[in-house]
C-alpha atoms as a PDB file:
ATOM      1  CA  UNK A   1     -19.949  10.900 -12.562  1.00  0.00           C
ATOM      2  CA  UNK A   2     -20.638  10.090  -9.225  1.00  0.00           C
ATOM      3  CA  UNK A   3     -18.062   7.953  -6.764  1.00  0.00           C
ATOM      4  CA  UNK A   4     -20.386   4.801  -6.130  1.00  0.00           C
ATOM      5  CA  UNK A   5     -19.489   2.628  -3.296  1.00  0.00           C
ATOM      6  CA  UNK A   6     -21.574  -0.245  -4.989  1.00  0.00           C
ATOM      7  CA  UNK A   7     -19.193  -0.094  -7.804  1.00  0.00           C
ATOM      8  CA  UNK A   8     -15.776   0.431  -5.908  1.00  0.00           C
ATOM      9  CA  UNK A   9     -16.193  -2.680  -3.961  1.00  0.00           C
ATOM     10  CA  UNK A  10     -16.874  -5.391  -7.219  1.00  0.00           C
ATOM     11  CA  UNK A  11     -13.614  -6.041  -8.645  1.00  0.00           C
ATOM     12  CA  UNK A  12     -13.693  -9.309  -7.196  1.00  0.00           C
ATOM     13  CA  UNK A  13     -11.149 -11.703  -8.761  1.00  0.00           C
ATOM     14  CA  UNK A  14      -7.554 -11.017 -10.281  1.00  0.00           C
ATOM     15  CA  UNK A  15      -6.917 -11.805 -13.706  1.00  0.00           C
ATOM     16  CA  UNK A  16      -5.744 -15.592 -14.445  1.00  0.00           C
ATOM     17  CA  UNK A  17      -2.216 -14.078 -15.081  1.00  0.00           C
ATOM     18  CA  UNK A  18      -2.247 -13.778 -11.556  1.00  0.00           C
ATOM     19  CA  UNK A  19      -2.956 -17.232 -10.931  1.00  0.00           C
ATOM     20  CA  UNK A  20       0.654 -17.972 -11.532  1.00  0.00           C
ATOM     21  CA  UNK A  21       2.038 -15.213  -9.355  1.00  0.00           C
ATOM     22  CA  UNK A  22      -0.318 -16.692  -6.239  1.00  0.00           C
ATOM     23  CA  UNK A  23       0.788 -20.402  -7.092  1.00  0.00           C
ATOM     24  CA  UNK A  24       4.353 -19.374  -6.725  1.00  0.00           C
ATOM     25  CA  UNK A  25       3.510 -17.642  -3.395  1.00  0.00           C
ATOM     26  CA  UNK A  26       1.986 -20.756  -2.446  1.00  0.00           C
ATOM     27  CA  UNK A  27       5.615 -22.146  -2.473  1.00  0.00           C
ATOM     28  CA  UNK A  28       5.038 -24.723  -5.243  1.00  0.00           C
ATOM     29  CA  UNK A  29       4.107 -25.959  -8.777  1.00  0.00           C
ATOM     30  CA  UNK A  30      -0.105 -26.903  -9.234  1.00  0.00           C
ATOM     31  CA  UNK A  31      -0.332 -31.012  -8.562  1.00  0.00           C
ATOM     32  CA  UNK A  32      -1.940 -33.373 -11.028  1.00  0.00           C
ATOM     33  CA  UNK A  33      -5.528 -34.604 -10.422  1.00  0.00           C
ATOM     34  CA  UNK A  34      -6.045 -37.626  -8.535  1.00  0.00           C
ATOM     35  CA  UNK A  35      -8.948 -40.416  -7.895  1.00  0.00           C
ATOM     36  CA  UNK A  36     -10.318 -38.165  -5.749  1.00  0.00           C
ATOM     37  CA  UNK A  37     -10.539 -35.212  -8.183  1.00  0.00           C
ATOM     38  CA  UNK A  38      -8.457 -31.765  -8.022  1.00  0.00           C
ATOM     39  CA  UNK A  39      -8.327 -29.172  -5.765  1.00  0.00           C
ATOM     40  CA  UNK A  40      -8.724 -25.270  -5.693  1.00  0.00           C
ATOM     41  CA  UNK A  41      -6.757 -22.899  -3.443  1.00  0.00           C
ATOM     42  CA  UNK A  42      -6.784 -18.984  -3.625  1.00  0.00           C
ATOM     43  CA  UNK A  43      -7.367 -16.170  -1.102  1.00  0.00           C
ATOM     44  CA  UNK A  44     -10.209 -14.287   0.080  1.00  0.00           C
ATOM     45  CA  UNK A  45      -9.767 -10.594   0.688  1.00  0.00           C
ATOM     46  CA  UNK A  46     -11.887  -7.413   1.831  1.00  0.00           C
ATOM     47  CA  UNK A  47     -12.915  -5.177  -0.696  1.00  0.00           C
ATOM     48  CA  UNK A  48     -12.124  -1.390   0.207  1.00  0.00           C
ATOM     49  CA  UNK A  49     -14.030   1.619  -0.939  1.00  0.00           C
ATOM     50  CA  UNK A  50     -10.779   4.391  -1.962  1.00  0.00           C
ATOM     51  CA  UNK A  51     -10.219   2.428  -5.658  1.00  0.00           C
ATOM     52  CA  UNK A  52     -11.364  -0.373  -7.515  1.00  0.00           C
ATOM     53  CA  UNK A  53      -7.481  -1.864  -6.999  1.00  0.00           C
ATOM     54  CA  UNK A  54      -7.066  -0.953  -3.582  1.00  0.00           C
ATOM     55  CA  UNK A  55      -6.144  -4.384  -1.859  1.00  0.00           C
ATOM     56  CA  UNK A  56      -7.977  -4.954   1.454  1.00  0.00           C
ATOM     57  CA  UNK A  57      -7.154  -7.103   4.343  1.00  0.00           C
ATOM     58  CA  UNK A  58      -7.181 -10.989   4.133  1.00  0.00           C
ATOM     59  CA  UNK A  59     -10.641 -12.380   5.487  1.00  0.00           C
ATOM     60  CA  UNK A  60     -10.217 -15.536   7.829  1.00  0.00           C
ATOM     61  CA  UNK A  61     -13.639 -17.633   8.626  1.00  0.00           C
ATOM     62  CA  UNK A  62     -15.166 -17.316   4.937  1.00  0.00           C
ATOM     63  CA  UNK A  63     -16.846 -20.188   3.847  1.00  0.00           C
ATOM     64  CA  UNK A  64     -16.058 -21.440   0.713  1.00  0.00           C
ATOM     65  CA  UNK A  65     -18.272 -24.295  -0.946  1.00  0.00           C
ATOM     66  CA  UNK A  66     -19.061 -26.082  -3.730  1.00  0.00           C
ATOM     67  CA  UNK A  67     -22.604 -25.509  -4.210  1.00  0.00           C
ATOM     68  CA  UNK A  68     -23.163 -28.747  -5.726  1.00  0.00           C
ATOM     69  CA  UNK A  69     -22.738 -31.488  -4.409  1.00  0.00           C
ATOM     70  CA  UNK A  70     -22.247 -29.543  -1.464  1.00  0.00           C
ATOM     71  CA  UNK A  71     -18.618 -29.355  -0.027  1.00  0.00           C
ATOM     72  CA  UNK A  72     -17.158 -26.240   2.146  1.00  0.00           C
ATOM     73  CA  UNK A  73     -14.281 -25.226   3.777  1.00  0.00           C
ATOM     74  CA  UNK A  74     -13.290 -22.020   5.560  1.00  0.00           C
ATOM     75  CA  UNK A  75     -10.630 -19.518   4.948  1.00  0.00           C
ATOM     76  CA  UNK A  76      -7.416 -19.839   7.386  1.00  0.00           C
ATOM     77  CA  UNK A  77      -4.114 -19.113   8.016  1.00  0.00           C
ATOM     78  CA  UNK A  78      -1.897 -21.370   5.516  1.00  0.00           C
ATOM     79  CA  UNK A  79       1.912 -21.929   6.646  1.00  0.00           C
ATOM     80  CA  UNK A  80       2.859 -23.007   3.246  1.00  0.00           C
ATOM     81  CA  UNK A  81       1.651 -19.659   1.851  1.00  0.00           C
ATOM     82  CA  UNK A  82       2.194 -17.604   4.486  1.00  0.00           C
ATOM     83  CA  UNK A  83      -1.160 -16.052   4.622  1.00  0.00           C
ATOM     84  CA  UNK A  84      -4.182 -15.799   6.218  1.00  0.00           C
ATOM     85  CA  UNK A  85      -7.706 -15.694   4.187  1.00  0.00           C
ATOM     86  CA  UNK A  86      -6.327 -19.320   2.306  1.00  0.00           C
ATOM     87  CA  UNK A  87      -8.608 -21.997   1.524  1.00  0.00           C
ATOM     88  CA  UNK A  88      -7.959 -25.084  -0.619  1.00  0.00           C
ATOM     89  CA  UNK A  89     -11.008 -26.975  -1.496  1.00  0.00           C
ATOM     90  CA  UNK A  90     -10.371 -30.265  -3.105  1.00  0.00           C
ATOM     91  CA  UNK A  91     -12.361 -33.613  -4.572  1.00  0.00           C
ATOM     92  CA  UNK A  92     -13.704 -31.349  -7.428  1.00  0.00           C
ATOM     93  CA  UNK A  93     -14.256 -32.809 -10.543  1.00  0.00           C
ATOM     94  CA  UNK A  94     -12.001 -31.570 -13.619  1.00  0.00           C
ATOM     95  CA  UNK A  95     -12.808 -30.094 -16.656  1.00  0.00           C
ATOM     96  CA  UNK A  96     -16.511 -29.350 -14.882  1.00  0.00           C
ATOM     97  CA  UNK A  97     -18.886 -26.697 -14.543  1.00  0.00           C
ATOM     98  CA  UNK A  98     -18.919 -25.980 -10.685  1.00  0.00           C
ATOM     99  CA  UNK A  99     -20.303 -23.047  -8.646  1.00  0.00           C
ATOM    100  CA  UNK A 100     -18.355 -21.563  -5.370  1.00  0.00           C
ATOM    101  CA  UNK A 101     -20.392 -19.954  -3.209  1.00  0.00           C
ATOM    102  CA  UNK A 102     -18.453 -17.401  -0.513  1.00  0.00           C
ATOM    103  CA  UNK A 103     -20.005 -16.334   2.479  1.00  0.00           C
ATOM    104  CA  UNK A 104     -19.313 -14.594   5.925  1.00  0.00           C
ATOM    105  CA  UNK A 105     -21.091 -12.204   8.137  1.00  0.00           C
ATOM    106  CA  UNK A 106     -21.546  -8.794   6.990  1.00  0.00           C
ATOM    107  CA  UNK A 107     -20.403  -9.655   3.609  1.00  0.00           C
ATOM    108  CA  UNK A 108     -22.435  -9.898   0.710  1.00  0.00           C
ATOM    109  CA  UNK A 109     -22.674 -13.591  -0.661  1.00  0.00           C
ATOM    110  CA  UNK A 110     -20.396 -14.270  -3.609  1.00  0.00           C
ATOM    111  CA  UNK A 111     -21.212 -16.373  -6.442  1.00  0.00           C
ATOM    112  CA  UNK A 112     -18.167 -17.202  -8.424  1.00  0.00           C
ATOM    113  CA  UNK A 113     -18.615 -19.586 -11.792  1.00  0.00           C
ATOM    114  CA  UNK A 114     -15.608 -21.706 -12.828  1.00  0.00           C
ATOM    115  CA  UNK A 115     -14.759 -24.469 -15.351  1.00  0.00           C
ATOM    116  CA  UNK A 116     -12.455 -26.491 -13.416  1.00  0.00           C
ATOM    117  CA  UNK A 117      -8.930 -26.901 -15.429  1.00  0.00           C
ATOM    118  CA  UNK A 118      -8.705 -30.688 -17.101  1.00  0.00           C
ATOM    119  CA  UNK A 119      -5.647 -32.510 -14.839  1.00  0.00           C
ATOM    120  CA  UNK A 120      -4.259 -30.092 -12.760  1.00  0.00           C
ATOM    121  CA  UNK A 121      -4.883 -28.917  -9.328  1.00  0.00           C
ATOM    122  CA  UNK A 122      -4.673 -25.001  -8.909  1.00  0.00           C
ATOM    123  CA  UNK A 123      -4.377 -21.689  -7.735  1.00  0.00           C
ATOM    124  CA  UNK A 124      -7.191 -19.646  -8.472  1.00  0.00           C
ATOM    125  CA  UNK A 125      -6.166 -16.035  -7.582  1.00  0.00           C
ATOM    126  CA  UNK A 126      -7.679 -13.843  -5.157  1.00  0.00           C
ATOM    127  CA  UNK A 127     -11.425 -13.301  -4.387  1.00  0.00           C
ATOM    128  CA  UNK A 128     -12.726  -9.886  -3.329  1.00  0.00           C
ATOM    129  CA  UNK A 129     -15.741  -9.778  -0.773  1.00  0.00           C
ATOM    130  CA  UNK A 130     -17.820  -6.676  -0.211  1.00  0.00           C
ATOM    131  CA  UNK A 131     -19.668  -5.745   3.130  1.00  0.00           C
ATOM    132  CA  UNK A 132     -22.933  -5.144   3.004  1.00  0.00           C
ATOM    133  CA  UNK A 133     -22.496  -1.888   4.965  1.00  0.00           C
ATOM    134  CA  UNK A 134     -20.421  -0.442   1.770  1.00  0.00           C
ATOM    135  CA  UNK A 135     -22.775  -1.865  -0.836  1.00  0.00           C
ATOM    136  CA  UNK A 136     -25.957  -0.510   1.183  1.00  0.00           C
ATOM    137  CA  UNK A 137     -24.244   2.969   0.481  1.00  0.00           C
ATOM    138  CA  UNK A 138     -23.167   2.535  -2.761  1.00  0.00           C
ATOM    139  CA  UNK A 139     -26.800   1.415  -3.876  1.00  0.00           C
ATOM    140  CA  UNK A 140     -27.803   4.897  -2.911  1.00  0.00           C
ATOM    141  CA  UNK A 141     -24.712   6.248  -4.783  1.00  0.00           C
ATOM    142  CA  UNK A 142     -26.003   4.377  -8.006  1.00  0.00           C
ATOM    143  CA  UNK A 143     -29.451   5.467  -7.650  1.00  0.00           C
ATOM    144  CA  UNK A 144     -28.655   9.349  -7.441  1.00  0.00           C
ATOM    145  CA  UNK A 145     -26.499   8.227 -10.889  1.00  0.00           C
ATOM    146  CA  UNK A 146     -29.482   7.131 -12.344  1.00  0.00           C
ATOM    147  CA  UNK A 147     -31.914  10.073 -11.380  1.00  0.00           C
ATOM    148  CA  UNK A 148     -29.142  12.588 -12.279  1.00  0.00           C
ATOM    149  CA  UNK A 149     -29.314  10.679 -16.018  1.00  0.00           C
ATOM    150  CA  UNK A 150     -33.114  11.684 -15.846  1.00  0.00           C
ATOM    151  CA  UNK A 151     -33.796   7.728 -15.757  1.00  0.00           C
ATOM    152  CA  UNK A 152     -36.132   5.671 -13.043  1.00  0.00           C
ATOM    153  CA  UNK A 153     -34.650   5.081  -9.534  1.00  0.00           C
ATOM    154  CA  UNK A 154     -35.901   2.326  -7.858  1.00  0.00           C
ATOM    155  CA  UNK A 155     -34.178   1.107  -4.844  1.00  0.00           C
ATOM    156  CA  UNK A 156     -31.099  -1.066  -5.670  1.00  0.00           C
ATOM    157  CA  UNK A 157     -29.529  -3.882  -4.398  1.00  0.00           C
ATOM    158  CA  UNK A 158     -29.165  -4.777  -1.698  1.00  0.00           C
ATOM    159  CA  UNK A 159     -31.574  -2.064  -0.801  1.00  0.00           C
ATOM    160  CA  UNK A 160     -34.238  -4.124  -2.875  1.00  0.00           C
ATOM    161  CA  UNK A 161     -34.185  -7.551  -1.186  1.00  0.00           C
ATOM    162  CA  UNK A 162     -34.820 -10.746  -3.899  1.00  0.00           C
ATOM    163  CA  UNK A 163     -32.633  -9.234  -6.529  1.00  0.00           C
ATOM    164  CA  UNK A 164     -29.180 -10.710  -7.701  1.00  0.00           C
ATOM    165  CA  UNK A 165     -25.811  -8.471  -8.562  1.00  0.00           C
ATOM    166  CA  UNK A 166     -23.404  -9.334 -11.490  1.00  0.00           C
ATOM    167  CA  UNK A 167     -20.484  -7.880 -11.873  1.00  0.00           C
ATOM    168  CA  UNK A 168     -18.015  -8.424 -15.242  1.00  0.00           C
ATOM    169  CA  UNK A 169     -14.589  -7.601 -16.262  1.00  0.00           C
ATOM    170  CA  UNK A 170     -12.278  -8.049 -19.167  1.00  0.00           C
ATOM    171  CA  UNK A 171      -8.582  -8.433 -19.199  1.00  0.00           C
ATOM    172  CA  UNK A 172      -8.004  -5.117 -21.507  1.00  0.00           C
ATOM    173  CA  UNK A 173     -10.801  -3.381 -19.698  1.00  0.00           C
ATOM    174  CA  UNK A 174     -13.862  -1.609 -21.283  1.00  0.00           C
ATOM    175  CA  UNK A 175     -13.265   1.528 -23.729  1.00  0.00           C
ATOM    176  CA  UNK A 176     -16.262   3.539 -25.311  1.00  0.00           C
ATOM    177  CA  UNK A 177     -15.999   1.205 -28.143  1.00  0.00           C
ATOM    178  CA  UNK A 178     -17.345  -1.841 -26.002  1.00  0.00           C
ATOM    179  CA  UNK A 179     -20.926  -2.390 -25.633  1.00  0.00           C
ATOM    180  CA  UNK A 180     -22.475  -5.341 -23.054  1.00  0.00           C
ATOM    181  CA  UNK A 181     -25.939  -6.354 -22.972  1.00  0.00           C
ATOM    182  CA  UNK A 182     -27.576  -9.411 -20.924  1.00  0.00           C
ATOM    183  CA  UNK A 183     -29.728 -11.858 -22.441  1.00  0.00           C
ATOM    184  CA  UNK A 184     -32.428 -11.895 -21.483  1.00  0.00           C
ATOM    185  CA  UNK A 185     -32.929  -8.291 -20.539  1.00  0.00           C
ATOM    186  CA  UNK A 186     -32.972  -7.793 -16.764  1.00  0.00           C
ATOM    187  CA  UNK A 187     -32.357  -5.317 -13.845  1.00  0.00           C
ATOM    188  CA  UNK A 188     -30.456  -1.768 -13.879  1.00  0.00           C
ATOM    189  CA  UNK A 189     -26.882  -1.560 -16.357  1.00  0.00           C
ATOM    190  CA  UNK A 190     -24.697  -1.910 -17.526  1.00  0.00           C
ATOM    191  CA  UNK A 191     -23.099   0.418 -15.385  1.00  0.00           C
ATOM    192  CA  UNK A 192     -18.638   1.134 -15.911  1.00  0.00           C
ATOM    193  CA  UNK A 193     -15.941   1.754 -13.068  1.00  0.00           C
ATOM    194  CA  UNK A 194     -13.303   4.050 -14.210  1.00  0.00           C
ATOM    195  CA  UNK A 195      -9.817   3.506 -12.246  1.00  0.00           C
ATOM    196  CA  UNK A 196     -10.684   6.523 -10.270  1.00  0.00           C
ATOM    197  CA  UNK A 197     -13.315   4.938  -9.025  1.00  0.00           C
ATOM    198  CA  UNK A 198     -16.090   6.934 -10.764  1.00  0.00           C
ATOM    199  CA  UNK A 199     -19.267   5.119 -11.810  1.00  0.00           C
ATOM    200  CA  UNK A 200     -20.470   6.064 -15.452  1.00  0.00           C
ATOM    201  CA  UNK A 201     -23.451   4.970 -17.766  1.00  0.00           C
ATOM    202  CA  UNK A 202     -21.272   5.483 -20.624  1.00  0.00           C
ATOM    203  CA  UNK A 203     -17.143   5.232 -20.674  1.00  0.00           C
ATOM    204  CA  UNK A 204     -15.665   8.578 -21.634  1.00  0.00           C
ATOM    205  CA  UNK A 205     -14.176   8.760 -24.957  1.00  0.00           C
ATOM    206  CA  UNK A 206     -10.294   7.965 -24.474  1.00  0.00           C
ATOM    207  CA  UNK A 207     -10.694   6.116 -21.193  1.00  0.00           C
ATOM    208  CA  UNK A 208     -10.906   2.798 -19.857  1.00  0.00           C
ATOM    209  CA  UNK A 209     -13.068   1.235 -17.488  1.00  0.00           C
ATOM    210  CA  UNK A 210     -11.830  -1.252 -14.994  1.00  0.00           C
ATOM    211  CA  UNK A 211     -14.965  -3.403 -14.993  1.00  0.00           C
ATOM    212  CA  UNK A 212     -18.797  -2.773 -14.757  1.00  0.00           C
ATOM    213  CA  UNK A 213     -21.806  -4.219 -13.279  1.00  0.00           C
ATOM    214  CA  UNK A 214     -25.494  -4.869 -13.426  1.00  0.00           C
ATOM    215  CA  UNK A 215     -28.046  -4.586 -10.297  1.00  0.00           C
ATOM    216  CA  UNK A 216     -31.194  -5.189  -9.856  1.00  0.00           C
ATOM    217  CA  UNK A 217     -31.358  -8.324 -11.587  1.00  0.00           C
ATOM    218  CA  UNK A 218     -33.932 -10.939 -11.375  1.00  0.00           C
ATOM    219  CA  UNK A 219     -33.057 -14.425 -10.340  1.00  0.00           C
ATOM    220  CA  UNK A 220     -33.028 -16.651 -12.978  1.00  0.00           C
ATOM    221  CA  UNK A 221     -32.003 -20.683 -12.419  1.00  0.00           C
ATOM    222  CA  UNK A 222     -30.641 -21.186 -15.834  1.00  0.00           C
ATOM    223  CA  UNK A 223     -28.582 -17.756 -15.637  1.00  0.00           C
ATOM    224  CA  UNK A 224     -27.888 -15.382 -18.510  1.00  0.00           C
ATOM    225  CA  UNK A 225     -25.734 -14.689 -21.273  1.00  0.00           C
ATOM    226  CA  UNK A 226     -23.776 -11.750 -21.123  1.00  0.00           C
ATOM    227  CA  UNK A 227     -22.902 -10.945 -24.828  1.00  0.00           C
ATOM    228  CA  UNK A 228     -19.752  -8.495 -25.518  1.00  0.00           C
ATOM    229  CA  UNK A 229     -19.053  -6.285 -28.863  1.00  0.00           C
ATOM    230  CA  UNK A 230     -16.405  -4.045 -30.026  1.00  0.00           C
ATOM    231  CA  UNK A 231     -17.076  -1.695 -32.373  1.00  0.00           C
ATOM    232  CA  UNK A 232     -13.503  -1.888 -33.918  1.00  0.00           C
ATOM    233  CA  UNK A 233     -12.331  -5.131 -32.777  1.00  0.00           C
ATOM    234  CA  UNK A 234     -13.349  -8.921 -31.307  1.00  0.00           C
ATOM    235  CA  UNK A 235     -14.439 -10.131 -28.150  1.00  0.00           C
ATOM    236  CA  UNK A 236     -14.155 -13.512 -27.355  1.00  0.00           C
ATOM    237  CA  UNK A 237     -14.837 -16.241 -24.532  1.00  0.00           C
ATOM    238  CA  UNK A 238     -11.741 -18.005 -22.795  1.00  0.00           C
ATOM    239  CA  UNK A 239     -12.911 -20.487 -20.364  1.00  0.00           C
ATOM    240  CA  UNK A 240     -10.805 -20.992 -17.339  1.00  0.00           C
ATOM    241  CA  UNK A 241     -10.518 -19.556 -13.717  1.00  0.00           C
ATOM    242  CA  UNK A 242     -11.805 -16.892 -12.427  1.00  0.00           C
ATOM    243  CA  UNK A 243     -14.421 -17.179 -15.361  1.00  0.00           C
ATOM    244  CA  UNK A 244     -17.529 -17.826 -16.499  1.00  0.00           C
ATOM    245  CA  UNK A 245     -19.408 -20.758 -18.079  1.00  0.00           C
ATOM    246  CA  UNK A 246     -20.203 -21.343 -21.794  1.00  0.00           C
ATOM    247  CA  UNK A 247     -22.588 -20.199 -23.562  1.00  0.00           C
ATOM    248  CA  UNK A 248     -25.407 -22.323 -24.109  1.00  0.00           C
ATOM    249  CA  UNK A 249     -26.145 -20.062 -27.595  1.00  0.00           C
ATOM    250  CA  UNK A 250     -22.575 -21.218 -28.730  1.00  0.00           C
ATOM    251  CA  UNK A 251     -22.020 -17.213 -29.529  1.00  0.00           C
ATOM    252  CA  UNK A 252     -18.280 -17.059 -29.063  1.00  0.00           C
ATOM    253  CA  UNK A 253     -18.386 -13.410 -27.717  1.00  0.00           C
ATOM    254  CA  UNK A 254     -20.623 -14.487 -24.698  1.00  0.00           C
ATOM    255  CA  UNK A 255     -20.571 -16.187 -21.342  1.00  0.00           C
ATOM    256  CA  UNK A 256     -22.887 -17.445 -19.300  1.00  0.00           C
ATOM    257  CA  UNK A 257     -23.244 -16.713 -15.236  1.00  0.00           C
ATOM    258  CA  UNK A 258     -25.644 -17.417 -12.579  1.00  0.00           C
ATOM    259  CA  UNK A 259     -28.008 -14.981 -11.229  1.00  0.00           C
ATOM    260  CA  UNK A 260     -29.216 -15.870  -7.098  1.00  0.00           C
ATOM    261  CA  UNK A 261     -31.093 -13.594  -5.085  1.00  0.00           C
ATOM    262  CA  UNK A 262     -29.481 -11.779  -2.678  1.00  0.00           C
ATOM    263  CA  UNK A 263     -26.187 -13.019  -4.001  1.00  0.00           C
ATOM    264  CA  UNK A 264     -23.379 -11.201  -6.036  1.00  0.00           C
ATOM    265  CA  UNK A 265     -21.742 -12.832  -8.861  1.00  0.00           C
ATOM    266  CA  UNK A 266     -18.721 -11.974 -10.210  1.00  0.00           C
ATOM    267  CA  UNK A 267     -16.394 -13.076 -13.190  1.00  0.00           C
ATOM    268  CA  UNK A 268     -13.782 -12.452 -15.653  1.00  0.00           C
ATOM    269  CA  UNK A 269     -13.575 -14.499 -19.238  1.00  0.00           C
ATOM    270  CA  UNK A 270     -14.307 -12.483 -21.810  1.00  0.00           C
ATOM    271  CA  UNK A 271     -11.398 -10.809 -23.685  1.00  0.00           C
ATOM    272  CA  UNK A 272     -12.479  -7.562 -25.742  1.00  0.00           C
ATOM    273  CA  UNK A 273      -9.596  -5.912 -27.927  1.00  0.00           C
ATOM    274  CA  UNK A 274      -9.488  -3.562 -30.798  1.00  0.00           C
ATOM    275  CA  UNK A 275      -7.804  -4.923 -34.049  1.00  0.00           C
ATOM    276  CA  UNK A 276      -4.297  -3.647 -34.789  1.00  0.00           C
ATOM    277  CA  UNK A 277      -5.291  -1.330 -38.125  1.00  0.00           C
ATOM    278  CA  UNK A 278      -2.305  -3.077 -40.051  1.00  0.00           C
ATOM    279  CA  UNK A 279      -3.775  -6.519 -39.673  1.00  0.00           C
ATOM    280  CA  UNK A 280      -6.781  -7.821 -41.908  1.00  0.00           C
ATOM    281  CA  UNK A 281     -10.115  -7.901 -39.550  1.00  0.00           C
ATOM    282  CA  UNK A 282     -10.670 -11.325 -37.973  1.00  0.00           C
ATOM    283  CA  UNK A 283     -14.016 -11.679 -39.673  1.00  0.00           C
ATOM    284  CA  UNK A 284     -12.602 -11.221 -43.700  1.00  0.00           C
ATOM    285  CA  UNK A 285     -13.544 -13.536 -46.030  1.00  0.00           C
ATOM    286  CA  UNK A 286     -10.573 -14.941 -47.757  1.00  0.00           C
ATOM    287  CA  UNK A 287     -11.043 -15.227 -51.559  1.00  0.00           C
END
């Protein structure tokens, strides 16, 4: 196993459960939608290399944009949230698929696919940005991991310009029973990151990976679907924030995400969990 800086930086969003905590920190409940649409708020912080879950410093001056129609704000100190790195993006259509694009000099541009709430403005939690310097260093470690496994080891994004990086999470993590596939196939991966920060090609038995990623993915306007399978359980897509978009294929265990040249995409919207041995299988027929 190798400690790959590329992977260590990519736990880019907290789970939706954290949204309630963030809302409380902001000092109030979610506001209803208005004629001008709903608002989304959040905090942007810097990733750190030591572990996937260490909280880095809050980042001011990050540009947070709705991709289309283009509408941008920058992260600042909030007197309400008593925190720097805060943003509020308003005028968004409720119950819609939108794409947030985050950028700051020296950091990897980040794509955050989101389905907005149907009625209420909300806090989407914490978003982590990875520095380009750290990603470059991590790309070398990931390339070494492939070489040690006897697999072709091309230059890894961002050392290989024009490609994309897709980072995926799950509320329950990833055990050796979970399989993930990119459809259509592209790039290198999947790689998985353990709580120790070690990056592996396969999750060891008895351990749970925090998240995973594909790198060197070809940009694709229509995006990709990530398909999840559990050998002894079920995987399901849940729309919400942070998350991906509903799959066009209609598969309940898949999620659709964008891939743009020289950008990261990050999301957590698929839940994989083993079935309770004492409960009937979810797909058992009823006679």
